[in-house]
Every structure is written in C-alpha cells, then in structure tokens.
C-alpha cells in the first residue's frame, strides 16, 4: 500500500502545482500572446483535430 501511496501523492501534488504555475487561456490566442509577452514567458499552443 505504501509503495502505491507515494506515486499517487506525487501525482496529485504535481498536477496541483501545474495548474498554479501553468494557467491555460482557452480560445483567446490574442490574450494568451499578450500575457506571455508581458511575463516574458514561452507560449504553449495546444492544437488537435478529430481525425
């Protein structure tokens, strides 16, 4: 049980940290670009297609 608990706790901590540090701006490229430029940060663009 203990061997399983540690990876689960790490996963939860990592996902909570990622949401805090890497906020996503949905469907507003202009705003996302402006925020990235203001923070001097890279811009991550997530694109997908149903095919």
PDB file of N, CA and C in Angstrom:
ATOM      1  N   UNK A   1       0.831  -1.206   0.000  1.00  0.00           N
ATOM      2  CA  UNK A   1       0.000   0.000   0.000  1.00  0.00           C
ATOM      3  C   UNK A   1       0.863   1.253   0.000  1.00  0.00           C
ATOM      4  N   UNK A   2       1.927   1.233   0.782  1.00  0.00           N
ATOM      5  CA  UNK A   2       2.782   2.414   0.867  1.00  0.00           C
ATOM      6  C   UNK A   2       3.465   2.716  -0.467  1.00  0.00           C
ATOM      7  N   UNK A   3       3.861   1.676  -1.191  1.00  0.00           N
ATOM      8  CA  UNK A   3       4.505   1.884  -2.491  1.00  0.00           C
ATOM      9  C   UNK A   3       3.566   2.555  -3.486  1.00  0.00           C
ATOM     10  N   UNK A   4       2.290   2.306  -3.345  1.00  0.00           N
ATOM     11  CA  UNK A   4       1.312   2.911  -4.232  1.00  0.00           C
ATOM     12  C   UNK A   4       0.954   4.327  -3.800  1.00  0.00           C
ATOM     13  N   UNK A   5       0.967   4.585  -2.527  1.00  0.00           N
ATOM     14  CA  UNK A   5       0.558   5.877  -1.997  1.00  0.00           C
ATOM     15  C   UNK A   5       1.504   7.006  -2.403  1.00  0.00           C
ATOM     16  N   UNK A   6       2.787   6.750  -2.387  1.00  0.00           N
ATOM     17  CA  UNK A   6       3.764   7.800  -2.714  1.00  0.00           C
ATOM     18  C   UNK A   6       3.603   8.299  -4.152  1.00  0.00           C
ATOM     19  N   UNK A   7       3.522   7.427  -5.161  1.00  0.00           N
ATOM     20  CA  UNK A   7       3.317   7.956  -6.527  1.00  0.00           C
ATOM     21  C   UNK A   7       1.996   8.716  -6.684  1.00  0.00           C
ATOM     22  N   UNK A   8       0.966   8.261  -5.991  1.00  0.00           N
ATOM     23  CA  UNK A   8      -0.321   8.961  -6.078  1.00  0.00           C
ATOM     24  C   UNK A   8      -0.209  10.351  -5.484  1.00  0.00           C
ATOM     25  N   UNK A   9       0.440  10.468  -4.338  1.00  0.00           N
ATOM     26  CA  UNK A   9       0.618  11.774  -3.712  1.00  0.00           C
ATOM     27  C   UNK A   9       1.468  12.688  -4.588  1.00  0.00           C
ATOM     28  N   UNK A  10       2.507  12.147  -5.198  1.00  0.00           N
ATOM     29  CA  UNK A  10       3.345  12.947  -6.097  1.00  0.00           C
ATOM     30  C   UNK A  10       2.549  13.423  -7.309  1.00  0.00           C
ATOM     31  N   UNK A  11       1.718  12.556  -7.842  1.00  0.00           N
ATOM     32  CA  UNK A  11       0.897  12.930  -8.985  1.00  0.00           C
ATOM     33  C   UNK A  11      -0.074  14.050  -8.616  1.00  0.00           C
ATOM     34  N   UNK A  12      -0.717  13.934  -7.475  1.00  0.00           N
ATOM     35  CA  UNK A  12      -1.647  14.967  -7.035  1.00  0.00           C
ATOM     36  C   UNK A  12      -0.930  16.287  -6.784  1.00  0.00           C
ATOM     37  N   UNK A  13       0.221  16.233  -6.153  1.00  0.00           N
ATOM     38  CA  UNK A  13       0.985  17.450  -5.874  1.00  0.00           C
ATOM     39  C   UNK A  13       1.450  18.094  -7.176  1.00  0.00           C
ATOM     40  N   UNK A  14       1.903  17.292  -8.112  1.00  0.00           N
ATOM     41  CA  UNK A  14       2.387  17.817  -9.389  1.00  0.00           C
ATOM     42  C   UNK A  14       1.257  18.450 -10.181  1.00  0.00           C
ATOM     43  N   UNK A  15       0.105  17.807 -10.234  1.00  0.00           N
ATOM     44  CA  UNK A  15      -0.998  18.368 -11.013  1.00  0.00           C
ATOM     45  C   UNK A  15      -1.521  19.650 -10.373  1.00  0.00           C
ATOM     46  N   UNK A  16      -1.547  19.730  -9.054  1.00  0.00           N
ATOM     47  CA  UNK A  16      -1.978  20.959  -8.380  1.00  0.00           C
ATOM     48  C   UNK A  16      -0.973  22.074  -8.647  1.00  0.00           C
ATOM     49  N   UNK A  17       0.305  21.747  -8.631  1.00  0.00           N
ATOM     50  CA  UNK A  17       1.360  22.731  -8.901  1.00  0.00           C
ATOM     51  C   UNK A  17       1.272  23.220 -10.340  1.00  0.00           C
ATOM     52  N   UNK A  18       1.045  22.319 -11.267  1.00  0.00           N
ATOM     53  CA  UNK A  18       0.978  22.685 -12.682  1.00  0.00           C
ATOM     54  C   UNK A  18      -0.185  23.632 -12.954  1.00  0.00           C
ATOM     55  N   UNK A  19      -1.303  23.425 -12.303  1.00  0.00           N
ATOM     56  CA  UNK A  19      -2.452  24.317 -12.510  1.00  0.00           C
ATOM     57  C   UNK A  19      -2.146  25.712 -12.000  1.00  0.00           C
ATOM     58  N   UNK A  20      -1.354  25.798 -10.951  1.00  0.00           N
ATOM     59  CA  UNK A  20      -0.994  27.095 -10.377  1.00  0.00           C
ATOM     60  C   UNK A  20       0.020  27.810 -11.265  1.00  0.00           C
ATOM     61  N   UNK A  21       0.993  27.084 -11.761  1.00  0.00           N
ATOM     62  CA  UNK A  21       2.102  27.684 -12.496  1.00  0.00           C
ATOM     63  C   UNK A  21       1.796  27.838 -13.981  1.00  0.00           C
ATOM     64  N   UNK A  22       1.025  26.930 -14.538  1.00  0.00           N
ATOM     65  CA  UNK A  22       0.745  26.938 -15.968  1.00  0.00           C
ATOM     66  C   UNK A  22      -0.742  27.161 -16.234  1.00  0.00           C
ATOM     67  N   UNK A  23      -1.198  28.378 -16.080  1.00  0.00           N
ATOM     68  CA  UNK A  23      -2.619  28.620 -16.351  1.00  0.00           C
ATOM     69  C   UNK A  23      -2.889  28.568 -17.861  1.00  0.00           C
ATOM     70  N   UNK A  24      -4.014  28.009 -18.223  1.00  0.00           N
ATOM     71  CA  UNK A  24      -4.394  27.936 -19.622  1.00  0.00           C
ATOM     72  C   UNK A  24      -5.423  29.017 -19.925  1.00  0.00           C
ATOM     73  N   UNK A  25      -5.301  29.627 -21.085  1.00  0.00           N
ATOM     74  CA  UNK A  25      -6.269  30.604 -21.567  1.00  0.00           C
ATOM     75  C   UNK A  25      -6.954  29.948 -22.760  1.00  0.00           C
ATOM     76  N   UNK A  26      -8.206  29.591 -22.587  1.00  0.00           N
ATOM     77  CA  UNK A  26      -8.937  28.869 -23.633  1.00  0.00           C
ATOM     78  C   UNK A  26      -9.490  29.809 -24.694  1.00  0.00           C
ATOM     79  N   UNK A  27      -9.246  29.455 -25.949  1.00  0.00           N
ATOM     80  CA  UNK A  27      -9.865  30.106 -27.105  1.00  0.00           C
ATOM     81  C   UNK A  27      -9.647  31.615 -27.200  1.00  0.00           C
ATOM     82  N   UNK A  28      -8.498  32.092 -26.776  1.00  0.00           N
ATOM     83  CA  UNK A  28      -8.203  33.522 -26.905  1.00  0.00           C
ATOM     84  C   UNK A  28      -6.701  33.694 -27.156  1.00  0.00           C
ATOM     85  N   UNK A  29      -6.296  33.437 -28.387  1.00  0.00           N
ATOM     86  CA  UNK A  29      -4.880  33.484 -28.741  1.00  0.00           C
ATOM     87  C   UNK A  29      -4.285  34.875 -28.502  1.00  0.00           C
ATOM     88  N   UNK A  30      -5.017  35.910 -28.837  1.00  0.00           N
ATOM     89  CA  UNK A  30      -4.521  37.278 -28.683  1.00  0.00           C
ATOM     90  C   UNK A  30      -4.210  37.574 -27.218  1.00  0.00           C
ATOM     91  N   UNK A  31      -5.111  37.200 -26.333  1.00  0.00           N
ATOM     92  CA  UNK A  31      -4.893  37.408 -24.896  1.00  0.00           C
ATOM     93  C   UNK A  31      -3.725  36.559 -24.400  1.00  0.00           C
ATOM     94  N   UNK A  32      -3.667  35.297 -24.821  1.00  0.00           N
ATOM     95  CA  UNK A  32      -2.580  34.409 -24.396  1.00  0.00           C
ATOM     96  C   UNK A  32      -1.224  34.950 -24.843  1.00  0.00           C
ATOM     97  N   UNK A  33      -1.158  35.454 -26.061  1.00  0.00           N
ATOM     98  CA  UNK A  33       0.081  36.026 -26.571  1.00  0.00           C
ATOM     99  C   UNK A  33       0.482  37.263 -25.786  1.00  0.00           C
ATOM    100  N   UNK A  34      -0.488  38.114 -25.473  1.00  0.00           N
ATOM    101  CA  UNK A  34      -0.202  39.321 -24.700  1.00  0.00           C
ATOM    102  C   UNK A  34       0.299  38.977 -23.296  1.00  0.00           C
ATOM    103  N   UNK A  35      -0.318  37.997 -22.654  1.00  0.00           N
ATOM    104  CA  UNK A  35       0.107  37.582 -21.309  1.00  0.00           C
ATOM    105  C   UNK A  35       1.513  37.001 -21.360  1.00  0.00           C
ATOM    106  N   UNK A  36       1.789  36.176 -22.357  1.00  0.00           N
ATOM    107  CA  UNK A  36       3.119  35.580 -22.490  1.00  0.00           C
ATOM    108  C   UNK A  36       4.189  36.651 -22.715  1.00  0.00           C
ATOM    109  N   UNK A  37       3.881  37.620 -23.558  1.00  0.00           N
ATOM    110  CA  UNK A  37       4.840  38.697 -23.802  1.00  0.00           C
ATOM    111  C   UNK A  37       5.057  39.541 -22.548  1.00  0.00           C
ATOM    112  N   UNK A  38       3.985  39.822 -21.812  1.00  0.00           N
ATOM    113  CA  UNK A  38       4.100  40.632 -20.596  1.00  0.00           C
ATOM    114  C   UNK A  38       4.932  39.924 -19.529  1.00  0.00           C
ATOM    115  N   UNK A  39       4.828  38.606 -19.472  1.00  0.00           N
ATOM    116  CA  UNK A  39       5.579  37.824 -18.472  1.00  0.00           C
ATOM    117  C   UNK A  39       6.926  37.353 -19.009  1.00  0.00           C
ATOM    118  N   UNK A  40       7.206  37.673 -20.278  1.00  0.00           N
ATOM    119  CA  UNK A  40       8.421  37.199 -20.938  1.00  0.00           C
ATOM    120  C   UNK A  40       8.524  35.675 -20.809  1.00  0.00           C
ATOM    121  N   UNK A  41       7.418  34.999 -21.114  1.00  0.00           N
ATOM    122  CA  UNK A  41       7.323  33.549 -20.969  1.00  0.00           C
ATOM    123  C   UNK A  41       7.006  32.923 -22.325  1.00  0.00           C
ATOM    124  N   UNK A  42       7.363  31.655 -22.487  1.00  0.00           N
ATOM    125  CA  UNK A  42       7.003  30.984 -23.739  1.00  0.00           C
ATOM    126  C   UNK A  42       5.498  30.764 -23.816  1.00  0.00           C
ATOM    127  N   UNK A  43       5.018  30.601 -25.022  1.00  0.00           N
ATOM    128  CA  UNK A  43       3.597  30.368 -25.250  1.00  0.00           C
ATOM    129  C   UNK A  43       3.419  28.935 -25.727  1.00  0.00           C
ATOM    130  N   UNK A  44       2.601  28.182 -25.022  1.00  0.00           N
ATOM    131  CA  UNK A  44       2.290  26.800 -25.395  1.00  0.00           C
ATOM    132  C   UNK A  44       0.939  26.799 -26.089  1.00  0.00           C
ATOM    133  N   UNK A  45       0.897  26.297 -27.309  1.00  0.00           N
ATOM    134  CA  UNK A  45      -0.352  26.233 -28.057  1.00  0.00           C
ATOM    135  C   UNK A  45      -0.738  24.771 -28.209  1.00  0.00           C
ATOM    136  N   UNK A  46      -1.888  24.409 -27.680  1.00  0.00           N
ATOM    137  CA  UNK A  46      -2.398  23.045 -27.760  1.00  0.00           C
ATOM    138  C   UNK A  46      -3.399  22.986 -28.900  1.00  0.00           C
ATOM    139  N   UNK A  47      -3.086  22.227 -29.921  1.00  0.00           N
ATOM    140  CA  UNK A  47      -3.979  22.091 -31.063  1.00  0.00           C
ATOM    141  C   UNK A  47      -4.268  20.613 -31.303  1.00  0.00           C
ATOM    142  N   UNK A  48      -5.468  20.324 -31.764  1.00  0.00           N
ATOM    143  CA  UNK A  48      -5.837  18.943 -32.039  1.00  0.00           C
ATOM    144  C   UNK A  48      -6.868  18.905 -33.153  1.00  0.00           C
ATOM    145  N   UNK A  49      -7.060  17.741 -33.669  1.00  0.00           N
ATOM    146  CA  UNK A  49      -8.063  17.534 -34.705  1.00  0.00           C
ATOM    147  C   UNK A  49      -8.757  16.200 -34.438  1.00  0.00           C
ATOM    148  N   UNK A  50     -10.020  16.084 -34.782  1.00  0.00           N
ATOM    149  CA  UNK A  50     -10.734  14.838 -34.523  1.00  0.00           C
ATOM    150  C   UNK A  50     -10.295  13.681 -35.413  1.00  0.00           C
ATOM    151  N   UNK A  51      -9.546  13.958 -36.434  1.00  0.00           N
ATOM    152  CA  UNK A  51      -9.102  12.907 -37.327  1.00  0.00           C
ATOM    153  C   UNK A  51      -7.748  12.432 -36.910  1.00  0.00           C
TER     154      UNK A  51
END
